[in-house]
Each structure stands twice: as structure tokens, then as C-alpha cells.
């Protein structure tokens, strides 16, 4: 088995999906957390000067989406055929849209602009995303997963997204989408994921 080392800051951010995949699959890895004081020197040594970076047997790879897809394929969580993989990718793109909008709120310094962005999320992007996932879950209702008949990257990324929604104080939105809320609870009760969430370092983001 390859030796994995995940390099990121001391926060959930763009690395948490990879950490959840490691947890869900029961795969050992080094969770290396970079202090802000260490970052300027390290930035010159990593691809594109950004984190997260996944080291596989000592070789560095970047881009959080590519890292997540690679790990999902390695762990048998990228679907059973090309159509399922396509559906998982579709889910990831929808997750990315809302996730990036929420991340933008964290780094917006102008309170007036932040309020405008939040209003747009609440009135447009959040309802669209909840509706889409509700439809996907109903379409695949007999299986208990977003795609196929077993836990996939789509489910883990879904959990990570709505975990952030709740942690950021927007959890009431899920009350309007009971199917989504139930699925978040179901994935959160996966024994390996639940253990990681309960024991992971406590961070603000």
C-alpha cells in the first residue's frame, strides 16, 4: 500500500474531504498540519504554491478535487461503472459551487458585501442545491446513497459540505429539505466517519 501524507493548514477547509475519505476507508495516512509561520518557506516547495498537497510515496500532488477523486478511486468509492462515476462527478460540481460560495463568506472583510453574498446564497444557491440533492436521493431512494448501492465520494463530499453549512450557523436551511437532512445524519452515523468527526482537531474552519 502507498504511503500517504496529506499536507494542509490546521483547519478543515479544502483538505477535510480527503481526511473523511481516509477515515471512511480505514486507510492510514499522515495528517500533516502546517503552522502559519511555516507557510512562507513551504509555499516555495509545493506545486502552484497552494495547499492541500497529497504526497504518495514521497511524490507531491496538488488540487483538492484531483486528490479526492484519486483517493476515491483507490478506495473503491468512485462508482461501479462510468455512468456512476459521471453521476458522482455531477454531484461534486454542485457541491463545489455551494462550498466555494460559503468559503467566500469566511474571507469577505466588507460586512455589507458579506451580507449581500449571504442573501444570494440563501435565496438562490442554497435552495437550488437542496432541491437537486433531494431529487437525487429520491431517484436512488431504495439504496440509501446518492449514487449506486454503496458509500461513494458523492456521499462523503455531501456530508462534508452540509457539515460546513451547519458549523457556519446555516443549519436551519436543512429543515426545509428533510430528505437532505436525513441523508446527512445517515452518512454522519457511518461508524468511521462519526469517529473521525468526534476526534478530529477542533478548528474554526
Protein backbone atom coordinates (compact mmCIF):
# COMPACT_ATOMS: atom_id res chain seq x y z
CA UNK A 1 0.00 0.00 0.00
CA UNK A 2 1.28 3.51 -0.80
CA UNK A 3 2.48 5.78 1.98
CA UNK A 4 0.18 8.81 2.16
CA UNK A 5 0.90 12.22 3.66
CA UNK A 6 -1.71 14.98 3.48
CA UNK A 7 -0.32 18.49 3.92
CA UNK A 8 -2.65 21.36 4.82
CA UNK A 9 -3.19 24.11 7.35
CA UNK A 10 -4.66 23.43 10.80
CA UNK A 11 -8.26 23.68 9.59
CA UNK A 12 -10.86 21.63 7.77
CA UNK A 13 -11.04 23.74 4.60
CA UNK A 14 -10.08 22.13 1.32
CA UNK A 15 -8.42 19.12 2.94
CA UNK A 16 -11.30 17.82 5.02
CA UNK A 17 -12.86 15.81 2.21
CA UNK A 18 -9.61 13.88 1.79
CA UNK A 19 -9.43 13.31 5.56
CA UNK A 20 -13.00 12.00 5.55
CA UNK A 21 -12.16 9.63 2.69
CA UNK A 22 -9.16 8.30 4.60
CA UNK A 23 -11.38 7.83 7.65
CA UNK A 24 -14.24 6.18 5.78
CA UNK A 25 -11.89 3.74 4.06
CA UNK A 26 -9.87 2.99 7.18
CA UNK A 27 -6.65 3.94 5.38
CA UNK A 28 -3.64 5.10 7.38
CA UNK A 29 -2.00 8.41 6.45
CA UNK A 30 -0.02 11.26 7.97
CA UNK A 31 -2.19 14.30 8.66
CA UNK A 32 0.48 17.00 8.50
CA UNK A 33 -0.80 20.41 9.63
CA UNK A 34 1.18 23.48 8.66
CA UNK A 35 1.50 26.42 11.03
CA UNK A 36 1.09 29.87 9.50
CA UNK A 37 4.68 30.74 10.45
CA UNK A 38 5.91 27.76 8.40
CA UNK A 39 3.90 28.59 5.30
CA UNK A 40 6.08 31.23 3.56
CA UNK A 41 9.03 28.85 3.34
CA UNK A 42 6.90 25.82 2.41
CA UNK A 43 4.99 27.76 -0.27
CA UNK A 44 8.08 27.77 -2.48
CA UNK A 45 8.30 23.98 -2.32
CA UNK A 46 4.77 22.83 -3.20
CA UNK A 47 3.04 22.70 -6.62
CA UNK A 48 1.48 26.05 -7.59
CA UNK A 49 2.27 27.37 -4.10
CA UNK A 50 -1.04 26.15 -2.69
CA UNK A 51 -2.38 23.57 -0.26
CA UNK A 52 -3.58 20.88 0.19
CA UNK A 53 -0.88 18.64 -1.17
CA UNK A 54 -1.06 14.87 -1.11
CA UNK A 55 2.23 13.00 -1.02
CA UNK A 56 2.09 9.47 -2.40
CA UNK A 57 5.28 7.58 -1.62
CA UNK A 58 7.04 10.92 -1.26
CA UNK A 59 5.86 12.49 -4.54
CA UNK A 60 3.70 15.63 -4.29
CA UNK A 61 0.33 16.09 -5.99
CA UNK A 62 -1.97 19.11 -5.73
CA UNK A 63 -5.56 20.30 -6.38
CA UNK A 64 -8.13 19.19 -3.81
CA UNK A 65 -10.61 17.87 -6.37
CA UNK A 66 -8.00 15.75 -8.09
CA UNK A 67 -6.81 14.45 -4.71
CA UNK A 68 -10.36 13.49 -3.70
CA UNK A 69 -11.05 11.69 -6.98
CA UNK A 70 -7.75 9.80 -6.84
CA UNK A 71 -8.39 8.63 -3.29
CA UNK A 72 -11.97 7.67 -4.11
CA UNK A 73 -10.75 5.50 -6.99
CA UNK A 74 -8.09 3.91 -4.80
CA UNK A 75 -10.65 3.18 -2.07
CA UNK A 76 -13.41 1.86 -4.37
CA UNK A 77 -15.63 4.89 -3.82
CA UNK A 78 -15.89 6.27 -7.36
CA UNK A 79 -18.80 4.15 -8.59
CA UNK A 80 -19.06 0.73 -10.21
CA UNK A 81 -19.14 1.95 -13.82
CA UNK A 82 -18.61 5.07 -15.92
CA UNK A 83 -22.20 6.26 -15.54
CA UNK A 84 -21.98 6.10 -11.75
CA UNK A 85 -18.63 7.93 -11.89
CA UNK A 86 -20.31 10.56 -14.09
CA UNK A 87 -23.11 10.99 -11.53
CA UNK A 88 -20.57 11.30 -8.73
CA UNK A 89 -18.71 13.99 -10.68
CA UNK A 90 -22.01 15.80 -11.26
CA UNK A 91 -22.68 15.80 -7.52
CA UNK A 92 -19.16 17.08 -6.82
CA UNK A 93 -19.61 20.04 -9.16
CA UNK A 94 -22.84 21.05 -7.41
CA UNK A 95 -21.14 20.65 -4.04
CA UNK A 96 -18.21 22.77 -5.21
CA UNK A 97 -20.48 25.65 -6.27
CA UNK A 98 -22.08 25.99 -2.84
CA UNK A 99 -18.87 25.21 -0.99
CA UNK A 100 -16.93 27.95 -2.76
CA UNK A 101 -19.71 30.46 -2.10
CA UNK A 102 -19.65 29.61 1.61
CA UNK A 103 -15.86 29.83 1.68
CA UNK A 104 -16.14 33.29 0.18
CA UNK A 105 -18.15 34.41 3.20
CA UNK A 106 -15.33 33.44 5.55
CA UNK A 107 -12.80 35.66 3.80
CA UNK A 108 -15.05 38.62 2.97
CA UNK A 109 -13.94 41.57 5.10
CA UNK A 110 -16.61 44.03 3.97
CA UNK A 111 -19.71 43.38 6.10
CA UNK A 112 -22.07 44.92 3.55
CA UNK A 113 -20.69 42.72 0.78
CA UNK A 114 -20.80 39.69 3.05
CA UNK A 115 -24.50 40.34 3.77
CA UNK A 116 -25.23 40.58 0.03
CA UNK A 117 -23.39 37.32 -0.67
CA UNK A 118 -25.19 35.54 2.17
CA UNK A 119 -28.57 36.75 0.93
CA UNK A 120 -27.82 35.44 -2.55
CA UNK A 121 -26.80 32.07 -1.13
CA UNK A 122 -29.96 31.82 0.98
CA UNK A 123 -32.32 32.94 -1.78
CA UNK A 124 -30.75 31.24 -4.78
CA UNK A 125 -27.85 28.82 -4.48
CA UNK A 126 -28.88 27.04 -1.27
CA UNK A 127 -32.46 26.27 -2.41
CA UNK A 128 -31.23 25.09 -5.82
CA UNK A 129 -28.62 22.83 -4.23
CA UNK A 130 -31.06 21.38 -1.69
CA UNK A 131 -33.62 20.72 -4.42
CA UNK A 132 -31.08 18.99 -6.63
CA UNK A 133 -29.87 16.69 -3.85
CA UNK A 134 -33.42 15.97 -2.75
CA UNK A 135 -34.24 14.80 -6.28
CA UNK A 136 -31.08 12.70 -6.49
CA UNK A 137 -31.81 10.97 -3.20
CA UNK A 138 -35.41 10.26 -4.16
CA UNK A 139 -34.28 8.86 -7.51
CA UNK A 140 -31.90 6.48 -5.71
CA UNK A 141 -34.21 6.05 -2.71
CA UNK A 142 -34.05 2.27 -2.32
CA UNK A 143 -30.29 2.27 -1.77
CA UNK A 144 -29.70 4.92 0.89
CA UNK A 145 -26.86 6.53 -1.07
CA UNK A 146 -26.60 9.34 -3.60
CA UNK A 147 -25.18 7.09 -6.31
CA UNK A 148 -25.29 3.34 -6.61
CA UNK A 149 -25.63 0.88 -3.77
CA UNK A 150 -22.70 1.77 -1.53
CA UNK A 151 -20.92 4.73 0.04
CA UNK A 152 -19.20 6.86 -2.58
CA UNK A 153 -17.26 10.07 -2.90
CA UNK A 154 -20.57 11.81 -3.58
CA UNK A 155 -21.91 10.88 -0.14
CA UNK A 156 -18.72 11.84 1.68
CA UNK A 157 -18.46 15.18 -0.14
CA UNK A 158 -22.16 15.78 0.53
CA UNK A 159 -21.60 15.17 4.23
CA UNK A 160 -18.57 17.46 4.30
CA UNK A 161 -20.48 20.27 2.58
CA UNK A 162 -23.50 20.21 4.86
CA UNK A 163 -21.30 19.70 7.90
CA UNK A 164 -19.80 23.07 6.98
CA UNK A 165 -23.26 24.57 6.42
CA UNK A 166 -24.20 23.55 9.98
CA UNK A 167 -20.88 24.64 11.50
CA UNK A 168 -21.28 28.07 9.89
CA UNK A 169 -24.68 28.55 11.53
CA UNK A 170 -26.87 27.91 8.49
CA UNK A 171 -28.21 24.52 9.54
CA UNK A 172 -31.81 25.71 9.61
CA UNK A 173 -31.77 25.56 5.82
CA UNK A 174 -31.82 21.77 6.10
CA UNK A 175 -35.17 21.93 7.89
CA UNK A 176 -36.65 22.90 4.51
CA UNK A 177 -35.19 19.75 2.93
CA UNK A 178 -35.90 16.79 5.24
CA UNK A 179 -34.60 14.24 2.72
CA UNK A 180 -31.24 16.03 2.63
CA UNK A 181 -31.16 16.39 6.40
CA UNK A 182 -31.88 12.70 6.87
CA UNK A 183 -29.10 11.73 4.47
CA UNK A 184 -26.62 13.99 6.24
CA UNK A 185 -27.49 12.24 9.50
CA UNK A 186 -27.22 8.81 7.86
CA UNK A 187 -23.74 9.43 6.50
CA UNK A 188 -22.69 11.10 9.74
CA UNK A 189 -23.65 7.91 11.57
CA UNK A 190 -21.24 5.84 9.50
CA UNK A 191 -19.02 4.44 12.27
CA UNK A 192 -15.68 5.51 10.74
CA UNK A 193 -16.88 8.97 9.74
CA UNK A 194 -18.53 9.51 13.11
CA UNK A 195 -15.34 8.55 14.94
CA UNK A 196 -13.26 10.98 12.86
CA UNK A 197 -15.68 13.87 13.38
CA UNK A 198 -15.73 13.25 17.12
CA UNK A 199 -11.94 13.01 17.47
CA UNK A 200 -10.57 15.40 14.83
CA UNK A 201 -8.83 18.60 15.98
CA UNK A 202 -11.30 21.37 16.78
CA UNK A 203 -10.82 24.28 14.39
CA UNK A 204 -12.81 27.34 13.36
CA UNK A 205 -12.90 26.44 9.68
